């Protein structure tokens, strides 16, 4: 991506002072789940899945424990959790930011400008989300923020949470190199913000409460695929950022975080009824649809 001249977003926070060793165990995911998680973390870097719940969902579905998707997503509809004194959120001095944080903020700034244009075209303003950087563990309005969860969006406080070490794992352990996957990941989380402010997320959560486990999973897949498409819309509308090879990098990243790819990496047979993010082919298809059209209306995965 061409980011040198891109303006960084000012909508960010940094959480500091988190204790070490909190995020790696992931807690009990059903009987025997801890052992499987312990084996999976070294295998796939412990942090795949652009919405931050992929590894937890896959493991819990495979193991059949811990209450499944509903218990994982329960905090998304509820209130916030207080932050401990050891985890203070600060507006950092820009000079203290790492290179990867600066890249993330350039991407976020680009999404703000593109989505503001889209919202203004329909006569409304775009309420930009805040990007929160943390290391190893932190706190969000949806509960604990742990590195093992990967990047995620919290609708309760409309913030994106990320431990940027995830991008190193995406490159080295999940074989998705390049800088465009960084943009894809952040733009995907912004896609979930779009779903929140437009009311889509609330409608889906209400439908999931009435649905069976399999139906709830299918609805969640549609949510994730729409966020993938929205990420493509952003990239299509900011062509100044795109360089040769970026499309291929993005599609490879989408493939590597498909549910079937992740289940195979965990040594399990892919079962479509357990998918919560979509297959590798589905994720690539919807990302490319957004890239090809640049039109949010083309991202209706619910039809």
Protein backbone atom coordinates (compact mmCIF):
# COMPACT_ATOMS: atom_id res chain seq x y z
CA UNK A 1 0.00 0.00 0.00
CA UNK A 2 1.06 3.58 -0.65
CA UNK A 3 0.71 5.13 2.78
CA UNK A 4 3.53 7.68 2.93
CA UNK A 5 1.27 10.67 2.23
CA UNK A 6 -1.79 9.33 4.06
CA UNK A 7 -2.95 11.34 7.08
CA UNK A 8 -3.08 9.40 10.34
CA UNK A 9 -6.33 9.22 12.27
CA UNK A 10 -6.44 11.03 15.60
CA UNK A 11 -9.11 8.64 16.91
CA UNK A 12 -6.91 6.31 18.92
CA UNK A 13 -6.00 5.35 22.46
CA UNK A 14 -3.20 3.33 24.02
CA UNK A 15 -3.72 1.05 26.99
CA UNK A 16 -0.62 0.64 29.11
CA UNK A 17 0.35 -1.34 32.17
CA UNK A 18 -1.35 -4.65 31.43
CA UNK A 19 0.06 -7.54 33.43
CA UNK A 20 1.97 -10.20 31.55
CA UNK A 21 0.74 -13.73 31.14
CA UNK A 22 -3.00 -13.00 31.25
CA UNK A 23 -4.03 -13.50 27.67
CA UNK A 24 -2.26 -16.65 26.62
CA UNK A 25 -4.25 -19.31 28.47
CA UNK A 26 -7.69 -18.33 27.09
CA UNK A 27 -9.52 -19.84 30.05
CA UNK A 28 -11.53 -23.05 30.06
CA UNK A 29 -13.26 -23.64 26.75
CA UNK A 30 -15.14 -26.70 27.90
CA UNK A 31 -13.82 -29.99 29.15
CA UNK A 32 -10.29 -30.57 27.91
CA UNK A 33 -10.44 -27.38 25.83
CA UNK A 34 -7.46 -25.84 27.52
CA UNK A 35 -5.15 -28.57 26.28
CA UNK A 36 -6.35 -28.21 22.71
CA UNK A 37 -5.97 -24.46 22.87
CA UNK A 38 -2.47 -24.90 24.20
CA UNK A 39 -1.64 -27.00 21.15
CA UNK A 40 -3.34 -24.65 18.71
CA UNK A 41 -1.72 -21.43 19.86
CA UNK A 42 1.82 -22.33 18.76
CA UNK A 43 0.43 -23.84 15.57
CA UNK A 44 -1.39 -20.81 14.23
CA UNK A 45 -0.01 -17.94 16.26
CA UNK A 46 -2.95 -17.91 18.68
CA UNK A 47 -4.49 -14.86 17.08
CA UNK A 48 -6.28 -15.56 13.83
CA UNK A 49 -9.69 -14.32 12.86
CA UNK A 50 -10.32 -10.71 11.95
CA UNK A 51 -13.14 -10.18 14.40
CA UNK A 52 -11.15 -11.46 17.31
CA UNK A 53 -13.32 -14.45 18.18
CA UNK A 54 -12.36 -16.95 15.48
CA UNK A 55 -10.01 -19.16 17.46
CA UNK A 56 -12.34 -19.20 20.45
CA UNK A 57 -15.35 -20.02 18.32
CA UNK A 58 -13.60 -22.75 16.35
CA UNK A 59 -12.20 -24.40 19.45
CA UNK A 60 -15.47 -24.20 21.36
CA UNK A 61 -17.46 -25.55 18.42
CA UNK A 62 -15.00 -28.40 17.90
CA UNK A 63 -14.91 -29.26 21.59
CA UNK A 64 -18.65 -28.71 22.05
CA UNK A 65 -18.22 -26.88 25.32
CA UNK A 66 -18.39 -23.55 27.04
CA UNK A 67 -21.83 -22.48 25.82
CA UNK A 68 -20.81 -21.93 22.21
CA UNK A 69 -21.16 -18.75 20.23
CA UNK A 70 -23.86 -17.23 22.38
CA UNK A 71 -21.72 -17.05 25.52
CA UNK A 72 -18.82 -15.60 23.54
CA UNK A 73 -20.95 -12.86 22.04
CA UNK A 74 -23.01 -12.17 25.11
CA UNK A 75 -20.82 -9.28 26.20
CA UNK A 76 -21.37 -7.52 22.91
CA UNK A 77 -24.92 -6.62 23.81
CA UNK A 78 -24.22 -5.83 27.44
CA UNK A 79 -22.53 -3.08 29.38
CA UNK A 80 -18.87 -2.35 29.86
CA UNK A 81 -16.33 -3.63 32.33
CA UNK A 82 -14.33 -1.39 34.60
CA UNK A 83 -10.65 -1.04 33.91
CA UNK A 84 -8.13 -1.94 36.57
CA UNK A 85 -5.57 0.63 37.73
CA UNK A 86 -2.90 -1.43 35.95
CA UNK A 87 -4.63 -0.88 32.60
CA UNK A 88 -4.81 2.84 31.97
CA UNK A 89 -6.04 4.20 28.64
CA UNK A 90 -4.07 7.19 27.38
CA UNK A 91 -3.87 9.46 24.37
CA UNK A 92 -0.27 8.75 23.46
CA UNK A 93 2.22 11.23 22.12
CA UNK A 94 2.39 10.49 18.35
CA UNK A 95 6.16 10.36 18.70
CA UNK A 96 5.82 7.31 20.94
CA UNK A 97 3.92 5.24 18.40
CA UNK A 98 5.53 2.25 16.70
CA UNK A 99 5.78 1.96 12.93
CA UNK A 100 2.99 -0.61 12.80
CA UNK A 101 0.76 1.61 14.92
CA UNK A 102 1.37 4.48 12.54
CA UNK A 103 0.48 2.28 9.57
CA UNK A 104 -2.69 1.21 11.38
CA UNK A 105 -3.66 4.83 11.98
CA UNK A 106 -3.02 5.75 8.36
CA UNK A 107 -5.35 2.95 7.31
CA UNK A 108 -7.93 4.06 9.88
CA UNK A 109 -7.67 7.63 8.63
CA UNK A 110 -8.27 6.44 5.09
CA UNK A 111 -11.37 4.48 6.14
CA UNK A 112 -12.71 7.58 7.90
CA UNK A 113 -12.44 9.68 4.76
CA UNK A 114 -13.95 7.08 2.45
CA UNK A 115 -16.87 6.20 4.72
CA UNK A 116 -17.55 9.85 5.44
CA UNK A 117 -17.96 10.34 1.69
CA UNK A 118 -20.35 7.39 1.51
CA UNK A 119 -22.43 8.54 4.48
CA UNK A 120 -22.57 12.14 3.23
CA UNK A 121 -23.90 10.92 -0.12
CA UNK A 122 -26.94 9.60 1.76
CA UNK A 123 -27.31 12.79 3.81
CA UNK A 124 -25.74 11.64 7.08
CA UNK A 125 -22.47 11.94 8.96
CA UNK A 126 -20.10 9.07 9.69
CA UNK A 127 -19.34 8.57 13.40
CA UNK A 128 -15.78 7.25 13.25
CA UNK A 129 -14.71 4.48 15.67
CA UNK A 130 -11.71 4.70 17.98
CA UNK A 131 -8.76 2.36 17.59
CA UNK A 132 -7.34 1.11 20.90
CA UNK A 133 -3.83 -0.32 21.01
CA UNK A 134 -2.95 -2.67 23.84
CA UNK A 135 -0.25 -5.24 24.55
CA UNK A 136 -1.02 -8.80 25.69
CA UNK A 137 -4.18 -7.85 27.56
CA UNK A 138 -6.45 -4.91 28.16
CA UNK A 139 -10.06 -4.04 28.80
CA UNK A 140 -12.89 -3.13 26.45
CA UNK A 141 -16.51 -2.18 26.80
CA UNK A 142 -17.26 -5.82 25.97
CA UNK A 143 -14.95 -7.27 28.63
CA UNK A 144 -11.37 -8.46 28.57
CA UNK A 145 -9.21 -7.72 25.54
CA UNK A 146 -6.69 -10.53 25.09
CA UNK A 147 -3.99 -10.96 22.48
CA UNK A 148 -5.25 -14.47 21.76
CA UNK A 149 -8.53 -13.01 20.55
CA UNK A 150 -6.94 -11.08 17.71
CA UNK A 151 -8.31 -7.72 16.54
CA UNK A 152 -11.98 -7.18 17.40
CA UNK A 153 -14.68 -4.54 17.39
CA UNK A 154 -16.75 -3.82 20.49
CA UNK A 155 -20.19 -2.34 19.70
CA UNK A 156 -20.76 -1.40 23.35
CA UNK A 157 -18.14 1.39 23.14
CA UNK A 158 -17.72 1.50 19.33
CA UNK A 159 -13.99 0.88 19.52
CA UNK A 160 -11.60 -1.44 17.68
CA UNK A 161 -9.10 -3.26 19.88
CA UNK A 162 -5.82 -4.58 18.59
CA UNK A 163 -2.51 -5.92 19.80
CA UNK A 164 -0.43 -5.14 16.72
CA UNK A 165 1.74 -8.21 17.32
CA UNK A 166 -1.13 -9.96 15.54
CA UNK A 167 0.14 -8.66 12.22
CA UNK A 168 3.52 -10.28 12.74
CA UNK A 169 1.82 -13.61 13.42
CA UNK A 170 -0.41 -13.16 10.37
CA UNK A 171 2.71 -12.75 8.27
CA UNK A 172 5.02 -15.34 9.77
CA UNK A 173 2.76 -18.06 11.18
CA UNK A 174 -0.27 -17.84 8.94
CA UNK A 175 1.67 -17.19 5.74
CA UNK A 176 -0.20 -13.99 4.84
CA UNK A 177 2.64 -11.51 4.20
CA UNK A 178 2.49 -7.96 2.92
CA UNK A 179 1.06 -4.70 4.13
CA UNK A 180 -2.37 -4.89 2.50
CA UNK A 181 -3.54 -7.56 5.00
CA UNK A 182 -3.08 -4.89 7.69
CA UNK A 183 -5.48 -2.67 5.81
CA UNK A 184 -7.87 -5.55 5.25
CA UNK A 185 -7.98 -6.47 8.93
CA UNK A 186 -8.61 -2.92 10.14
CA UNK A 187 -11.11 -2.18 7.36
CA UNK A 188 -12.96 -5.41 8.26
CA UNK A 189 -13.32 -4.25 11.86
CA UNK A 190 -14.50 -0.88 10.58
CA UNK A 191 -17.05 -2.89 8.60
CA UNK A 192 -18.45 -4.19 11.88
CA UNK A 193 -18.68 -0.57 13.06
CA UNK A 194 -20.72 0.23 9.94
CA UNK A 195 -23.04 -2.65 10.82
CA UNK A 196 -23.47 -1.23 14.31
CA UNK A 197 -24.23 2.36 13.34
CA UNK A 198 -26.61 1.29 10.54
CA UNK A 199 -28.53 -1.08 12.84
CA UNK A 200 -27.61 -4.30 11.02
CA UNK A 201 -25.71 -5.74 13.97
CA UNK A 202 -28.61 -5.22 16.37
CA UNK A 203 -31.06 -6.91 13.99
CA UNK A 204 -28.75 -9.90 13.59
CA UNK A 205 -28.23 -10.29 17.35
CA UNK A 206 -31.98 -10.26 17.91
CA UNK A 207 -32.44 -12.86 15.17
CA UNK A 208 -29.70 -15.01 16.71
CA UNK A 209 -31.52 -15.02 20.04
CA UNK A 210 -34.50 -16.70 18.35
CA UNK A 211 -32.42 -19.00 16.17
CA UNK A 212 -30.95 -22.46 16.63
CA UNK A 213 -27.21 -22.84 17.07
CA UNK A 214 -26.71 -23.65 13.39
CA UNK A 215 -28.95 -20.79 12.26
CA UNK A 216 -27.14 -18.40 14.59
CA UNK A 217 -23.82 -19.48 13.13
CA UNK A 218 -25.12 -18.91 9.59
CA UNK A 219 -26.23 -15.39 10.51
CA UNK A 220 -22.81 -14.69 12.00
CA UNK A 221 -21.17 -15.89 8.80
CA UNK A 222 -23.25 -13.37 6.83
CA UNK A 223 -22.11 -10.64 9.23
CA UNK A 224 -18.47 -11.51 8.72
CA UNK A 225 -18.75 -11.78 4.95
CA UNK A 226 -20.44 -8.39 4.79
CA UNK A 227 -17.59 -6.89 6.83
CA UNK A 228 -15.17 -8.47 4.33
CA UNK A 229 -17.10 -6.85 1.49
CA UNK A 230 -17.07 -3.48 3.24
CA UNK A 231 -13.29 -3.80 3.55
CA UNK A 232 -13.16 -4.27 -0.20
CA UNK A 233 -15.37 -1.20 -0.72
CA UNK A 234 -12.89 0.90 1.26
CA UNK A 235 -9.94 -0.31 -0.81
CA UNK A 236 -11.81 0.20 -4.09
CA UNK A 237 -12.61 3.80 -3.17
CA UNK A 238 -9.03 4.62 -2.16
CA UNK A 239 -7.21 3.44 -5.24
CA UNK A 240 -4.26 5.72 -4.49
CA UNK A 241 -3.30 3.23 -1.77
CA UNK A 242 -3.35 0.14 -3.97
CA UNK A 243 -0.14 -1.21 -5.44
CA UNK A 244 0.54 -4.22 -7.68
CA UNK A 245 0.21 -7.36 -5.61
CA UNK A 246 -2.07 -5.85 -2.96
CA UNK A 247 -5.15 -7.66 -4.24
CA UNK A 248 -3.36 -10.99 -4.13
CA UNK A 249 -2.12 -10.28 -0.59
CA UNK A 250 -5.63 -9.48 0.58
CA UNK A 251 -7.17 -12.54 -1.01
CA UNK A 252 -4.51 -14.77 0.52
CA UNK A 253 -5.18 -13.30 3.95
CA UNK A 254 -8.92 -13.88 3.47
CA UNK A 255 -8.20 -17.49 2.49
CA UNK A 256 -5.99 -18.09 5.51
CA UNK A 257 -8.69 -16.99 7.96
CA UNK A 258 -11.51 -18.99 6.39
CA UNK A 259 -13.20 -21.35 8.83
CA UNK A 260 -12.34 -24.43 6.77
CA UNK A 261 -8.68 -23.40 6.61
CA UNK A 262 -8.60 -22.88 10.38
CA UNK A 263 -10.34 -26.14 11.15
CA UNK A 264 -7.89 -28.03 8.94
CA UNK A 265 -5.01 -26.29 10.71
CA UNK A 266 -6.50 -27.54 13.99
CA UNK A 267 -6.51 -31.09 12.63
CA UNK A 268 -10.30 -31.17 12.33
CA UNK A 269 -12.61 -31.94 9.45
CA UNK A 270 -14.36 -28.76 8.30
CA UNK A 271 -18.07 -28.81 9.17
CA UNK A 272 -20.07 -26.06 7.51
CA UNK A 273 -22.72 -25.90 10.23
CA UNK A 274 -19.94 -24.88 12.65
CA UNK A 275 -18.66 -22.05 10.47
CA UNK A 276 -18.94 -18.60 12.05
CA UNK A 277 -16.85 -16.50 9.65
CA UNK A 278 -17.26 -18.23 6.30
CA UNK A 279 -15.16 -20.55 4.21
CA UNK A 280 -11.93 -19.42 2.58
CA UNK A 281 -13.71 -19.22 -0.78
CA UNK A 282 -16.60 -17.20 0.65
CA UNK A 283 -14.28 -14.71 2.33
CA UNK A 284 -12.25 -14.21 -0.83
CA UNK A 285 -15.42 -13.88 -2.93
CA UNK A 286 -16.98 -11.15 -0.77
CA UNK A 287 -13.74 -9.21 -0.32
CA UNK A 288 -13.34 -9.19 -4.09
CA UNK A 289 -16.96 -8.16 -4.61
CA UNK A 290 -16.32 -5.06 -2.55
CA UNK A 291 -13.11 -4.41 -4.44
CA UNK A 292 -14.79 -4.88 -7.82
CA UNK A 293 -17.83 -2.70 -7.14
CA UNK A 294 -16.79 -0.12 -4.54
CA UNK A 295 -20.48 -0.11 -3.64
CA UNK A 296 -21.76 -0.90 -0.12
CA UNK A 297 -25.14 -1.85 -1.62
CA UNK A 298 -23.40 -4.79 -3.30
CA UNK A 299 -22.50 -6.16 0.14
CA UNK A 300 -25.94 -7.43 1.11
CA UNK A 301 -24.97 -10.91 2.25
CA UNK A 302 -28.39 -11.42 3.85
CA UNK A 303 -30.30 -11.74 0.56
